[in-house]
Each structure stands twice: as structure tokens, then as C-alpha cells.
Amino acid sequence: MGKLSHYDKHGRASMVDVSAKVETRREAVATAFVRMSKKVVKALPGNRKGDPLEVARIAGITAAKRTSELIPMCHPVPLSFVDVQASVCENGVRITTRAATTSRTGVEMEALVAASVAALTVYDMCKALDKGITIEDVVLESKTGGKSGDYVRLRQSSKGKR
């Protein structure tokens, strides 16, 4: 395991200098799960605020583009692609995001922020029906490119049907 990179030699938080890194294609995939009752799942198509999945998709894309404004030490990354997919499952909504760039730093945070905000948006769109909806398992599934190489999350047994 390496050392934490967002600290200077005096222990102060700092932005990592990526100017010496080579620009390469980098991609990251993240997921989130919004657990809800079957009653809320059934009500998704008739939501009076609009289609929660489409609103969540747009919110996730917008959030990915603003990640450096939300996470203090993130570099502004020129995104070449962002995709957010939201699909209804038996007990909630599964969100999958993908972000890509050709840059000096990765897009893991952009993918994770997209998944988080998309999940929060589903909650917002459905909270009138049930405030007990939960957002679970916001995780990085994979990343490619960069100095640290590729990463693929090992699958763990899930707590519910997804």
C-alpha cells in the first residue's frame, strides 16, 4: 500500500502536482444502489415530478463535470465522455456511471460523484413516498490508465437482489 498523496512534506493538505505525468486515456466505472420498498419501485413510472431515472441520469452527468468544484483537491479534468445508466430492480434502482478522459490524472472521483448525485436525485424524486429509502454501496468498480495501472473491484456477495 502506498502513502496518501494529498499531503505535503509538512502534513498539510495539498493538490498533487500532475504536470510531469503523461497524458493517457483513463476511464472509470462506479456504481450505487438506491434501496426502496416495492411500493416505491412500482410508483417510479408515475412520478408526478417526472421520470426519476432520466432526471438522475442528467444530474449525474452534470455532477461529474463539476467534481473539482465539490472535492477540494480534485483537478479539473477535461471529460471526453460521461454516461449514467439507472435501471429498476426488484428492490430499488441500480446506477452505473462511466467517465473517460485523455488527461494526466484519473476520473475515479468523477465517476463516483456521478453515481452519488444520481442516487441522491432518485431519493429526492421519491422521498414523498418514503423517507426510508437508502443509498448503498457507492463503489469504484474499475479504472484503467495512468501510472497506478488498472483496477477491477472483486465481487462480494450482495445483501439483496439487485
N, C-alpha and C. Protein backbone atom coordinates (compact mmCIF):
# COMPACT_ATOMS: atom_id res chain seq x y z
N MET A 1 0.84 -1.18 0.00
CA MET A 1 0.00 0.00 0.00
C MET A 1 0.88 1.24 0.00
N GLY A 2 0.56 2.20 -0.84
CA GLY A 2 1.33 3.44 -0.93
C GLY A 2 0.94 4.44 0.13
N LYS A 3 1.55 5.61 0.05
CA LYS A 3 1.24 6.66 1.01
C LYS A 3 0.13 7.55 0.47
N LEU A 4 -0.49 8.29 1.37
CA LEU A 4 -1.52 9.24 0.94
C LEU A 4 -0.85 10.36 0.16
N SER A 5 -1.42 10.71 -0.96
CA SER A 5 -0.74 11.64 -1.87
C SER A 5 -1.17 13.10 -1.73
N HIS A 6 -2.23 13.38 -1.02
CA HIS A 6 -2.73 14.75 -0.96
C HIS A 6 -2.23 15.53 0.26
N TYR A 7 -0.98 15.24 0.66
CA TYR A 7 -0.36 15.97 1.76
C TYR A 7 1.06 16.37 1.37
N ASP A 8 1.46 17.57 1.80
CA ASP A 8 2.83 17.99 1.51
C ASP A 8 3.77 17.47 2.60
N LYS A 9 5.05 17.84 2.52
CA LYS A 9 6.03 17.32 3.47
C LYS A 9 5.80 17.82 4.90
N HIS A 10 4.93 18.83 5.06
CA HIS A 10 4.62 19.36 6.39
C HIS A 10 3.29 18.80 6.92
N GLY A 11 2.67 17.90 6.18
CA GLY A 11 1.41 17.29 6.61
C GLY A 11 0.18 18.11 6.27
N ARG A 12 0.34 19.17 5.48
CA ARG A 12 -0.81 19.99 5.09
C ARG A 12 -1.45 19.41 3.82
N ALA A 13 -2.76 19.52 3.75
CA ALA A 13 -3.47 19.08 2.55
C ALA A 13 -2.99 19.90 1.36
N SER A 14 -2.74 19.20 0.25
CA SER A 14 -2.29 19.91 -0.95
C SER A 14 -2.75 19.17 -2.19
N MET A 15 -2.83 19.91 -3.26
CA MET A 15 -3.18 19.32 -4.55
C MET A 15 -1.93 18.67 -5.12
N VAL A 16 -2.06 17.48 -5.64
CA VAL A 16 -0.93 16.76 -6.23
C VAL A 16 -0.51 17.45 -7.53
N ASP A 17 0.78 17.61 -7.72
CA ASP A 17 1.30 18.19 -8.96
C ASP A 17 1.36 17.09 -10.01
N VAL A 18 0.52 17.19 -11.03
CA VAL A 18 0.47 16.15 -12.07
C VAL A 18 1.14 16.61 -13.37
N SER A 19 1.83 17.74 -13.32
CA SER A 19 2.40 18.31 -14.55
C SER A 19 3.44 17.40 -15.20
N ALA A 20 4.11 16.55 -14.45
CA ALA A 20 5.11 15.65 -15.03
C ALA A 20 4.51 14.35 -15.56
N LYS A 21 3.25 14.10 -15.27
CA LYS A 21 2.61 12.87 -15.73
C LYS A 21 2.30 12.94 -17.22
N VAL A 22 2.26 11.79 -17.84
CA VAL A 22 1.95 11.69 -19.25
C VAL A 22 0.43 11.65 -19.44
N GLU A 23 -0.05 12.34 -20.46
CA GLU A 23 -1.47 12.25 -20.79
C GLU A 23 -1.75 10.89 -21.39
N THR A 24 -2.71 10.19 -20.81
CA THR A 24 -3.13 8.89 -21.33
C THR A 24 -4.65 8.81 -21.25
N ARG A 25 -5.21 7.86 -21.96
CA ARG A 25 -6.65 7.62 -21.86
C ARG A 25 -6.92 6.95 -20.51
N ARG A 26 -7.88 7.48 -19.80
CA ARG A 26 -8.25 6.97 -18.48
C ARG A 26 -9.77 6.84 -18.42
N GLU A 27 -10.21 5.78 -17.81
CA GLU A 27 -11.65 5.54 -17.70
C GLU A 27 -11.95 4.94 -16.33
N ALA A 28 -13.11 5.28 -15.79
CA ALA A 28 -13.53 4.73 -14.50
C ALA A 28 -15.02 4.41 -14.55
N VAL A 29 -15.38 3.35 -13.84
CA VAL A 29 -16.78 2.93 -13.72
C VAL A 29 -17.11 2.87 -12.23
N ALA A 30 -18.25 3.44 -11.86
CA ALA A 30 -18.70 3.40 -10.47
C ALA A 30 -20.17 2.99 -10.44
N THR A 31 -20.60 2.48 -9.30
CA THR A 31 -21.99 2.11 -9.13
C THR A 31 -22.51 2.58 -7.78
N ALA A 32 -23.83 2.66 -7.71
CA ALA A 32 -24.53 2.96 -6.45
C ALA A 32 -25.85 2.21 -6.51
N PHE A 33 -26.41 1.96 -5.34
CA PHE A 33 -27.71 1.29 -5.29
C PHE A 33 -28.64 2.08 -4.39
N VAL A 34 -29.86 2.33 -4.87
CA VAL A 34 -30.88 3.03 -4.10
C VAL A 34 -31.93 2.00 -3.73
N ARG A 35 -31.92 1.61 -2.46
CA ARG A 35 -32.85 0.59 -1.99
C ARG A 35 -34.17 1.25 -1.61
N MET A 36 -35.27 0.66 -2.07
CA MET A 36 -36.60 1.20 -1.77
C MET A 36 -37.62 0.07 -1.70
N SER A 37 -38.75 0.38 -1.13
CA SER A 37 -39.81 -0.62 -1.00
C SER A 37 -40.39 -0.95 -2.37
N LYS A 38 -41.05 -2.08 -2.45
CA LYS A 38 -41.70 -2.47 -3.71
C LYS A 38 -42.77 -1.46 -4.10
N LYS A 39 -43.42 -0.85 -3.11
CA LYS A 39 -44.43 0.19 -3.37
C LYS A 39 -43.81 1.36 -4.13
N VAL A 40 -42.64 1.80 -3.70
CA VAL A 40 -41.98 2.93 -4.36
C VAL A 40 -41.48 2.50 -5.75
N VAL A 41 -40.93 1.31 -5.85
CA VAL A 41 -40.48 0.80 -7.16
C VAL A 41 -41.64 0.82 -8.15
N LYS A 42 -42.81 0.36 -7.72
CA LYS A 42 -44.00 0.34 -8.59
C LYS A 42 -44.41 1.74 -9.02
N ALA A 43 -44.20 2.72 -8.13
CA ALA A 43 -44.63 4.09 -8.39
C ALA A 43 -43.67 4.87 -9.30
N LEU A 44 -42.48 4.35 -9.55
CA LEU A 44 -41.49 5.08 -10.34
C LEU A 44 -42.02 5.60 -11.67
N PRO A 45 -42.69 4.79 -12.48
CA PRO A 45 -43.14 5.30 -13.79
C PRO A 45 -44.16 6.43 -13.70
N GLY A 46 -44.91 6.52 -12.60
CA GLY A 46 -45.96 7.53 -12.49
C GLY A 46 -45.58 8.72 -11.63
N ASN A 47 -44.30 8.95 -11.41
CA ASN A 47 -43.87 10.05 -10.54
C ASN A 47 -44.31 11.38 -11.14
N ARG A 48 -45.02 12.19 -10.34
CA ARG A 48 -45.55 13.46 -10.86
C ARG A 48 -44.47 14.50 -11.11
N LYS A 49 -43.27 14.30 -10.56
CA LYS A 49 -42.16 15.22 -10.79
C LYS A 49 -41.46 14.92 -12.12
N GLY A 50 -41.81 13.83 -12.75
CA GLY A 50 -41.14 13.41 -13.98
C GLY A 50 -40.50 12.05 -13.79
N ASP A 51 -39.78 11.60 -14.78
CA ASP A 51 -39.13 10.30 -14.74
C ASP A 51 -37.89 10.39 -13.85
N PRO A 52 -37.92 9.79 -12.65
CA PRO A 52 -36.79 9.90 -11.74
C PRO A 52 -35.48 9.38 -12.34
N LEU A 53 -35.56 8.35 -13.17
CA LEU A 53 -34.33 7.78 -13.74
C LEU A 53 -33.70 8.72 -14.75
N GLU A 54 -34.52 9.40 -15.53
CA GLU A 54 -33.97 10.35 -16.51
C GLU A 54 -33.41 11.58 -15.82
N VAL A 55 -34.10 12.08 -14.81
CA VAL A 55 -33.60 13.23 -14.05
C VAL A 55 -32.29 12.86 -13.37
N ALA A 56 -32.22 11.66 -12.80
CA ALA A 56 -30.99 11.19 -12.14
C ALA A 56 -29.85 11.07 -13.14
N ARG A 57 -30.15 10.60 -14.34
CA ARG A 57 -29.12 10.46 -15.37
C ARG A 57 -28.50 11.83 -15.70
N ILE A 58 -29.34 12.81 -15.92
CA ILE A 58 -28.85 14.16 -16.24
C ILE A 58 -28.10 14.76 -15.05
N ALA A 59 -28.62 14.56 -13.84
CA ALA A 59 -27.95 15.08 -12.64
C ALA A 59 -26.56 14.47 -12.48
N GLY A 60 -26.44 13.17 -12.73
CA GLY A 60 -25.14 12.50 -12.61
C GLY A 60 -24.13 13.03 -13.61
N ILE A 61 -24.57 13.24 -14.84
CA ILE A 61 -23.67 13.78 -15.87
C ILE A 61 -23.20 15.18 -15.47
N THR A 62 -24.14 16.01 -15.04
CA THR A 62 -23.80 17.37 -14.61
C THR A 62 -22.84 17.35 -13.43
N ALA A 63 -23.07 16.47 -12.48
CA ALA A 63 -22.21 16.38 -11.29
C ALA A 63 -20.79 15.97 -11.66
N ALA A 64 -20.65 15.00 -12.57
CA ALA A 64 -19.31 14.57 -12.98
C ALA A 64 -18.51 15.76 -13.51
N LYS A 65 -19.16 16.62 -14.27
CA LYS A 65 -18.48 17.78 -14.86
C LYS A 65 -18.09 18.82 -13.82
N ARG A 66 -18.66 18.73 -12.62
CA ARG A 66 -18.39 19.73 -11.58
C ARG A 66 -17.63 19.16 -10.39
N THR A 67 -17.06 17.99 -10.54
CA THR A 67 -16.40 17.30 -9.42
C THR A 67 -15.34 18.16 -8.76
N SER A 68 -14.50 18.84 -9.52
CA SER A 68 -13.41 19.62 -8.92
C SER A 68 -13.94 20.80 -8.10
N GLU A 69 -15.18 21.20 -8.32
CA GLU A 69 -15.79 22.26 -7.51
C GLU A 69 -16.28 21.72 -6.17
N LEU A 70 -16.48 20.40 -6.09
CA LEU A 70 -17.03 19.79 -4.88
C LEU A 70 -15.98 19.14 -4.00
N ILE A 71 -14.96 18.55 -4.60
CA ILE A 71 -13.91 17.84 -3.87
C ILE A 71 -12.66 18.73 -3.93
N PRO A 72 -12.23 19.28 -2.81
CA PRO A 72 -11.20 20.33 -2.81
C PRO A 72 -9.89 20.01 -3.54
N MET A 73 -9.37 18.81 -3.46
CA MET A 73 -8.06 18.53 -4.05
C MET A 73 -8.15 17.87 -5.44
N CYS A 74 -9.36 17.78 -5.99
CA CYS A 74 -9.51 17.21 -7.34
C CYS A 74 -9.10 18.24 -8.39
N HIS A 75 -8.41 17.75 -9.41
CA HIS A 75 -8.06 18.60 -10.54
C HIS A 75 -9.26 18.73 -11.46
N PRO A 76 -9.43 19.89 -12.10
CA PRO A 76 -10.44 19.96 -13.15
C PRO A 76 -9.98 19.05 -14.29
N VAL A 77 -10.82 18.12 -14.68
CA VAL A 77 -10.45 17.14 -15.69
C VAL A 77 -11.30 17.37 -16.94
N PRO A 78 -10.65 17.47 -18.09
CA PRO A 78 -11.43 17.62 -19.33
C PRO A 78 -12.07 16.27 -19.70
N LEU A 79 -13.33 16.12 -19.37
CA LEU A 79 -14.00 14.85 -19.62
C LEU A 79 -14.30 14.70 -21.11
N SER A 80 -13.99 13.54 -21.65
CA SER A 80 -14.32 13.26 -23.04
C SER A 80 -15.61 12.46 -23.14
N PHE A 81 -16.04 11.87 -22.01
CA PHE A 81 -17.25 11.06 -22.02
C PHE A 81 -17.75 10.86 -20.59
N VAL A 82 -19.05 10.97 -20.42
CA VAL A 82 -19.71 10.60 -19.17
C VAL A 82 -21.02 9.91 -19.54
N ASP A 83 -21.26 8.77 -18.90
CA ASP A 83 -22.51 8.07 -19.11
C ASP A 83 -23.06 7.66 -17.76
N VAL A 84 -24.35 7.81 -17.60
CA VAL A 84 -25.03 7.40 -16.37
C VAL A 84 -26.23 6.56 -16.79
N GLN A 85 -26.28 5.36 -16.25
CA GLN A 85 -27.41 4.46 -16.51
C GLN A 85 -28.09 4.16 -15.18
N ALA A 86 -29.41 4.20 -15.17
CA ALA A 86 -30.18 3.86 -13.98
C ALA A 86 -31.21 2.82 -14.39
N SER A 87 -31.22 1.71 -13.68
CA SER A 87 -32.15 0.64 -14.02
C SER A 87 -32.91 0.19 -12.78
N VAL A 88 -34.18 -0.09 -12.99
CA VAL A 88 -35.04 -0.53 -11.89
C VAL A 88 -34.81 -2.01 -11.64
N CYS A 89 -34.66 -2.35 -10.38
CA CYS A 89 -34.52 -3.74 -9.94
C CYS A 89 -35.71 -4.04 -9.02
N GLU A 90 -35.80 -5.26 -8.58
CA GLU A 90 -36.90 -5.69 -7.72
C GLU A 90 -37.00 -4.84 -6.45
N ASN A 91 -35.86 -4.43 -5.89
CA ASN A 91 -35.87 -3.72 -4.61
C ASN A 91 -35.17 -2.36 -4.67
N GLY A 92 -35.13 -1.75 -5.85
CA GLY A 92 -34.55 -0.42 -5.94
C GLY A 92 -34.06 -0.06 -7.32
N VAL A 93 -33.09 0.84 -7.34
CA VAL A 93 -32.52 1.35 -8.59
C VAL A 93 -31.01 1.18 -8.55
N ARG A 94 -30.47 0.53 -9.56
CA ARG A 94 -29.02 0.34 -9.71
C ARG A 94 -28.52 1.43 -10.64
N ILE A 95 -27.50 2.15 -10.20
CA ILE A 95 -26.90 3.22 -11.01
C ILE A 95 -25.50 2.80 -11.39
N THR A 96 -25.18 2.96 -12.67
CA THR A 96 -23.83 2.67 -13.17
C THR A 96 -23.36 3.88 -13.95
N THR A 97 -22.16 4.35 -13.61
CA THR A 97 -21.61 5.53 -14.30
C THR A 97 -20.27 5.18 -14.92
N ARG A 98 -19.95 5.88 -15.98
CA ARG A 98 -18.68 5.70 -16.68
C ARG A 98 -18.18 7.10 -17.06
N ALA A 99 -16.92 7.37 -16.73
CA ALA A 99 -16.30 8.64 -17.10
C ALA A 99 -14.98 8.35 -17.80
N ALA A 100 -14.65 9.17 -18.79
CA ALA A 100 -13.40 8.96 -19.53
C ALA A 100 -12.76 10.31 -19.85
N THR A 101 -11.44 10.25 -19.99
CA THR A 101 -10.65 11.43 -20.35
C THR A 101 -9.36 10.99 -21.00
N THR A 102 -8.70 11.92 -21.62
CA THR A 102 -7.31 11.76 -22.01
C THR A 102 -6.61 12.90 -21.27
N SER A 103 -6.03 12.57 -20.14
CA SER A 103 -5.51 13.59 -19.25
C SER A 103 -4.33 13.04 -18.46
N ARG A 104 -3.83 13.87 -17.53
CA ARG A 104 -2.71 13.49 -16.66
C ARG A 104 -3.16 12.88 -15.34
N THR A 105 -4.45 12.88 -15.10
CA THR A 105 -4.98 12.33 -13.86
C THR A 105 -6.28 11.60 -14.14
N GLY A 106 -6.64 10.71 -13.24
CA GLY A 106 -7.78 9.82 -13.46
C GLY A 106 -9.13 10.44 -13.24
N VAL A 107 -10.15 9.64 -13.52
CA VAL A 107 -11.53 10.10 -13.44
C VAL A 107 -12.36 9.27 -12.45
N GLU A 108 -11.68 8.65 -11.47
CA GLU A 108 -12.41 7.87 -10.48
C GLU A 108 -13.40 8.74 -9.71
N MET A 109 -12.95 9.91 -9.28
CA MET A 109 -13.83 10.77 -8.49
C MET A 109 -15.01 11.27 -9.32
N GLU A 110 -14.80 11.52 -10.59
CA GLU A 110 -15.89 11.96 -11.46
C GLU A 110 -16.96 10.87 -11.57
N ALA A 111 -16.52 9.63 -11.73
CA ALA A 111 -17.48 8.52 -11.82
C ALA A 111 -18.21 8.33 -10.49
N LEU A 112 -17.48 8.43 -9.37
CA LEU A 112 -18.09 8.27 -8.05
C LEU A 112 -19.06 9.41 -7.72
N VAL A 113 -18.69 10.63 -8.06
CA VAL A 113 -19.58 11.77 -7.82
C VAL A 113 -20.84 11.63 -8.68
N ALA A 114 -20.69 11.20 -9.92
CA ALA A 114 -21.85 11.00 -10.79
C ALA A 114 -22.80 9.97 -10.18
N ALA A 115 -22.26 8.86 -9.69
CA ALA A 115 -23.09 7.81 -9.08
C ALA A 115 -23.78 8.33 -7.82
N SER A 116 -23.05 9.06 -7.00
CA SER A 116 -23.61 9.59 -5.75
C SER A 116 -24.74 10.57 -6.00
N VAL A 117 -24.51 11.51 -6.90
CA VAL A 117 -25.54 12.53 -7.17
C VAL A 117 -26.74 11.92 -7.89
N ALA A 118 -26.51 10.98 -8.77
CA ALA A 118 -27.64 10.30 -9.42
C ALA A 118 -28.49 9.58 -8.36
N ALA A 119 -27.83 8.91 -7.41
CA ALA A 119 -28.56 8.22 -6.34
C ALA A 119 -29.32 9.21 -5.46
N LEU A 120 -28.69 10.32 -5.12
CA LEU A 120 -29.37 11.35 -4.33
C LEU A 120 -30.57 11.92 -5.07
N THR A 121 -30.45 12.03 -6.38
CA THR A 121 -31.55 12.54 -7.18
C THR A 121 -32.73 11.58 -7.18
N VAL A 122 -32.46 10.28 -7.28
CA VAL A 122 -33.54 9.30 -7.18
C VAL A 122 -34.23 9.46 -5.83
N TYR A 123 -33.45 9.58 -4.76
CA TYR A 123 -34.02 9.78 -3.43
C TYR A 123 -34.91 11.02 -3.43
N ASP A 124 -34.40 12.12 -3.93
CA ASP A 124 -35.14 13.38 -3.95
C ASP A 124 -36.46 13.24 -4.70
N MET A 125 -36.42 12.55 -5.82
CA MET A 125 -37.62 12.40 -6.64
C MET A 125 -38.66 11.48 -5.99
N CYS A 126 -38.24 10.62 -5.08
CA CYS A 126 -39.14 9.61 -4.50
C CYS A 126 -39.41 9.78 -3.01
N LYS A 127 -38.78 10.73 -2.36
CA LYS A 127 -38.87 10.86 -0.90
C LYS A 127 -40.28 11.15 -0.41
N ALA A 128 -41.13 11.71 -1.23
CA ALA A 128 -42.51 11.97 -0.80
C ALA A 128 -43.25 10.67 -0.52
N LEU A 129 -42.84 9.59 -1.16
CA LEU A 129 -43.48 8.29 -0.96
C LEU A 129 -42.90 7.54 0.23
N ASP A 130 -41.60 7.75 0.51
CA ASP A 130 -40.96 7.00 1.59
C ASP A 130 -39.62 7.66 1.93
N LYS A 131 -39.53 8.21 3.11
CA LYS A 131 -38.27 8.84 3.54
C LYS A 131 -37.24 7.80 3.97
N GLY A 132 -37.64 6.54 4.05
CA GLY A 132 -36.74 5.46 4.47
C GLY A 132 -35.92 4.85 3.35
N ILE A 133 -35.99 5.42 2.16
CA ILE A 133 -35.16 4.95 1.05
C ILE A 133 -33.70 5.09 1.46
N THR A 134 -32.86 4.13 1.10
CA THR A 134 -31.44 4.21 1.45
C THR A 134 -30.57 4.18 0.21
N ILE A 135 -29.43 4.83 0.32
CA ILE A 135 -28.41 4.81 -0.73
C ILE A 135 -27.28 3.94 -0.20
N GLU A 136 -26.93 2.92 -0.98
CA GLU A 136 -25.96 1.93 -0.51
C GLU A 136 -24.88 1.69 -1.56
N ASP A 137 -23.75 1.19 -1.08
CA ASP A 137 -22.71 0.64 -1.94
C ASP A 137 -22.28 1.56 -3.09
N VAL A 138 -21.91 2.78 -2.77
CA VAL A 138 -21.31 3.65 -3.78
C VAL A 138 -19.85 3.21 -3.88
N VAL A 139 -19.49 2.59 -5.01
CA VAL A 139 -18.16 2.00 -5.13
C VAL A 139 -17.55 2.22 -6.51
N LEU A 140 -16.23 2.23 -6.53
CA LEU A 140 -15.49 2.21 -7.78
C LEU A 140 -15.44 0.76 -8.24
N GLU A 141 -15.95 0.50 -9.42
CA GLU A 141 -15.95 -0.86 -9.97
C GLU A 141 -14.66 -1.15 -10.73
N SER A 142 -14.19 -0.15 -11.48
CA SER A 142 -12.97 -0.36 -12.26
C SER A 142 -12.40 0.98 -12.68
N LYS A 143 -11.11 0.92 -13.02
CA LYS A 143 -10.45 2.08 -13.62
C LYS A 143 -9.33 1.58 -14.49
N THR A 144 -9.07 2.30 -15.57
CA THR A 144 -7.98 1.96 -16.47
C THR A 144 -7.14 3.20 -16.73
N GLY A 145 -5.89 2.95 -17.07
CA GLY A 145 -4.97 4.02 -17.43
C GLY A 145 -4.23 4.59 -16.25
N GLY A 146 -3.19 5.33 -16.57
CA GLY A 146 -2.43 6.01 -15.54
C GLY A 146 -1.31 5.19 -14.95
N LYS A 147 -0.52 5.85 -14.12
CA LYS A 147 0.67 5.27 -13.52
C LYS A 147 0.36 4.07 -12.61
N SER A 148 -0.76 4.14 -11.89
CA SER A 148 -1.08 3.06 -10.95
C SER A 148 -1.68 1.83 -11.65
N GLY A 149 -1.94 1.94 -12.93
CA GLY A 149 -2.44 0.79 -13.69
C GLY A 149 -3.93 0.58 -13.55
N ASP A 150 -4.35 -0.59 -13.98
CA ASP A 150 -5.77 -0.92 -13.99
C ASP A 150 -6.21 -1.46 -12.64
N TYR A 151 -7.51 -1.30 -12.37
CA TYR A 151 -8.11 -1.81 -11.13
C TYR A 151 -9.48 -2.36 -11.48
N VAL A 152 -9.80 -3.52 -10.96
CA VAL A 152 -11.14 -4.10 -11.07
C VAL A 152 -11.55 -4.56 -9.68
N ARG A 153 -12.68 -4.09 -9.22
CA ARG A 153 -13.19 -4.46 -7.89
C ARG A 153 -13.54 -5.94 -7.86
N LEU A 154 -13.15 -6.61 -6.82
CA LEU A 154 -13.54 -8.00 -6.63
C LEU A 154 -15.01 -8.03 -6.22
N ARG A 155 -15.75 -8.91 -6.79
CA ARG A 155 -17.18 -9.04 -6.46
C ARG A 155 -17.35 -9.62 -5.06
N GLN A 156 -18.24 -9.02 -4.29
CA GLN A 156 -18.56 -9.53 -2.96
C GLN A 156 -20.02 -9.93 -2.97
N SER A 157 -20.40 -10.82 -2.09
CA SER A 157 -21.79 -11.23 -2.05
C SER A 157 -22.66 -10.04 -1.68
N SER A 158 -23.72 -9.83 -2.42
CA SER A 158 -24.60 -8.69 -2.16
C SER A 158 -25.63 -9.04 -1.10
N LYS A 159 -26.13 -8.01 -0.45
CA LYS A 159 -27.09 -8.19 0.64
C LYS A 159 -28.52 -8.36 0.12
N GLY A 160 -28.75 -8.07 -1.12
CA GLY A 160 -30.10 -8.18 -1.65
C GLY A 160 -30.10 -8.41 -3.13
N LYS A 161 -31.27 -8.60 -3.68
CA LYS A 161 -31.41 -8.80 -5.12
C LYS A 161 -31.23 -7.47 -5.80
N ARG A 162 -30.36 -7.45 -6.79
CA ARG A 162 -30.14 -6.17 -7.47
C ARG A 162 -30.26 -6.34 -8.94
